């Protein structure tokens, strides 16, 4: 039963975070990001959000920096929307899944 509740909480967090990033964060660099993965701790006190960013490496770094700087604002908006007893701490990271897949493909081709 707990896993269903945990999955629902992740889905709600993902949907609300996407909406906040798209509509409420004023920094235009944050518009380049999308949520690739969201991991929620078992006590729901911490959330690790992996963000996918389009563009060059420099654009990726600046977009992640912009989102990290807005983390307090995002957490506050999230708390107001969801009315949780405790809003999770948000940790934003750059998702590099596509880069890893490309590297693995190159290594396999070399073999």
Protein backbone atom coordinates (compact mmCIF):
# COMPACT_ATOMS: atom_id res chain seq x y z
CA UNK A 1 0.00 0.00 0.00
CA UNK A 2 2.82 2.37 0.83
CA UNK A 3 4.36 2.04 -2.64
CA UNK A 4 1.09 3.12 -4.30
CA UNK A 5 0.95 6.16 -2.06
CA UNK A 6 4.62 6.90 -2.75
CA UNK A 7 4.09 6.61 -6.51
CA UNK A 8 1.09 8.94 -6.34
CA UNK A 9 3.10 11.47 -4.32
CA UNK A 10 5.90 11.38 -6.93
CA UNK A 11 3.41 11.91 -9.75
CA UNK A 12 1.78 14.88 -8.00
CA UNK A 13 5.16 16.43 -7.20
CA UNK A 14 6.34 15.96 -10.78
CA UNK A 15 3.21 17.54 -12.24
CA UNK A 16 3.27 20.52 -9.88
CA UNK A 17 7.02 21.10 -10.26
CA UNK A 18 6.71 21.06 -14.04
CA UNK A 19 3.92 23.61 -13.88
CA UNK A 20 5.84 25.87 -11.48
CA UNK A 21 8.97 25.72 -13.65
CA UNK A 22 7.01 26.47 -16.79
CA UNK A 23 4.68 29.20 -15.50
CA UNK A 24 6.00 30.82 -12.35
CA UNK A 25 9.80 30.88 -12.45
CA UNK A 26 10.64 34.19 -14.13
CA UNK A 27 14.17 33.28 -15.25
CA UNK A 28 14.01 32.44 -19.00
CA UNK A 29 16.86 29.95 -18.61
CA UNK A 30 14.57 27.77 -16.50
CA UNK A 31 12.20 27.44 -19.46
CA UNK A 32 14.73 25.13 -21.15
CA UNK A 33 14.38 22.39 -18.50
CA UNK A 34 12.08 19.42 -18.18
CA UNK A 35 11.89 16.83 -15.42
CA UNK A 36 13.51 13.56 -16.49
CA UNK A 37 13.26 11.77 -13.15
CA UNK A 38 12.06 12.45 -9.63
CA UNK A 39 13.06 10.38 -6.62
CA UNK A 40 11.27 10.90 -3.32
CA UNK A 41 12.70 9.67 -0.02
CA UNK A 42 10.60 7.22 1.98
CA UNK A 43 9.78 9.87 4.59
CA UNK A 44 9.00 12.37 1.79
CA UNK A 45 11.43 14.84 3.31
CA UNK A 46 13.77 15.01 0.32
CA UNK A 47 13.24 14.97 -3.41
CA UNK A 48 15.98 14.53 -6.00
CA UNK A 49 14.91 15.98 -9.33
CA UNK A 50 16.93 15.18 -12.43
CA UNK A 51 16.44 17.81 -15.10
CA UNK A 52 16.90 17.37 -18.81
CA UNK A 53 18.11 20.50 -20.56
CA UNK A 54 18.26 21.19 -24.29
CA UNK A 55 21.21 23.08 -25.68
CA UNK A 56 24.97 23.24 -25.36
CA UNK A 57 26.92 22.32 -22.25
CA UNK A 58 27.14 26.00 -21.26
CA UNK A 59 23.36 26.43 -21.65
CA UNK A 60 22.81 23.31 -19.55
CA UNK A 61 25.01 24.62 -16.75
CA UNK A 62 23.36 28.04 -16.70
CA UNK A 63 19.86 26.52 -16.75
CA UNK A 64 20.63 24.21 -13.81
CA UNK A 65 22.19 27.12 -11.92
CA UNK A 66 19.08 29.22 -12.53
CA UNK A 67 16.79 26.45 -11.26
CA UNK A 68 18.99 25.86 -8.20
CA UNK A 69 18.88 29.56 -7.36
CA UNK A 70 15.10 29.48 -7.58
CA UNK A 71 14.83 26.35 -5.39
CA UNK A 72 13.54 28.27 -2.36
CA UNK A 73 10.90 30.01 -4.44
CA UNK A 74 9.90 26.71 -6.07
CA UNK A 75 9.67 24.94 -2.71
CA UNK A 76 7.51 27.74 -1.30
CA UNK A 77 5.12 27.59 -4.26
CA UNK A 78 5.00 23.83 -4.00
CA UNK A 79 4.13 24.02 -0.30
CA UNK A 80 1.29 26.45 -0.96
CA UNK A 81 -0.13 24.37 -3.78
CA UNK A 82 -0.01 21.01 -2.04
CA UNK A 83 -0.63 22.15 1.55
CA UNK A 84 1.70 19.53 2.95
CA UNK A 85 2.71 19.36 6.56
CA UNK A 86 6.32 19.27 5.42
CA UNK A 87 7.39 20.27 1.93
CA UNK A 88 10.33 18.16 0.75
CA UNK A 89 13.80 19.63 0.37
CA UNK A 90 14.49 19.90 -3.37
CA UNK A 91 17.81 18.91 -4.92
CA UNK A 92 18.16 19.59 -8.63
CA UNK A 93 20.66 17.68 -10.77
CA UNK A 94 21.46 17.52 -14.45
CA UNK A 95 20.21 14.33 -16.12
CA UNK A 96 22.87 12.83 -18.35
CA UNK A 97 21.11 9.63 -19.43
CA UNK A 98 21.29 10.40 -23.15
CA UNK A 99 25.01 11.18 -22.92
CA UNK A 100 25.68 7.91 -21.10
CA UNK A 101 23.70 5.94 -23.69
CA UNK A 102 25.65 7.59 -26.50
CA UNK A 103 28.96 6.80 -24.79
CA UNK A 104 27.95 3.16 -24.32
CA UNK A 105 26.99 2.93 -28.00
CA UNK A 106 30.39 4.30 -29.02
CA UNK A 107 32.19 1.84 -26.74
CA UNK A 108 30.19 -1.08 -28.14
CA UNK A 109 30.93 0.03 -31.69
CA UNK A 110 34.66 0.10 -30.88
CA UNK A 111 34.51 -3.49 -29.67
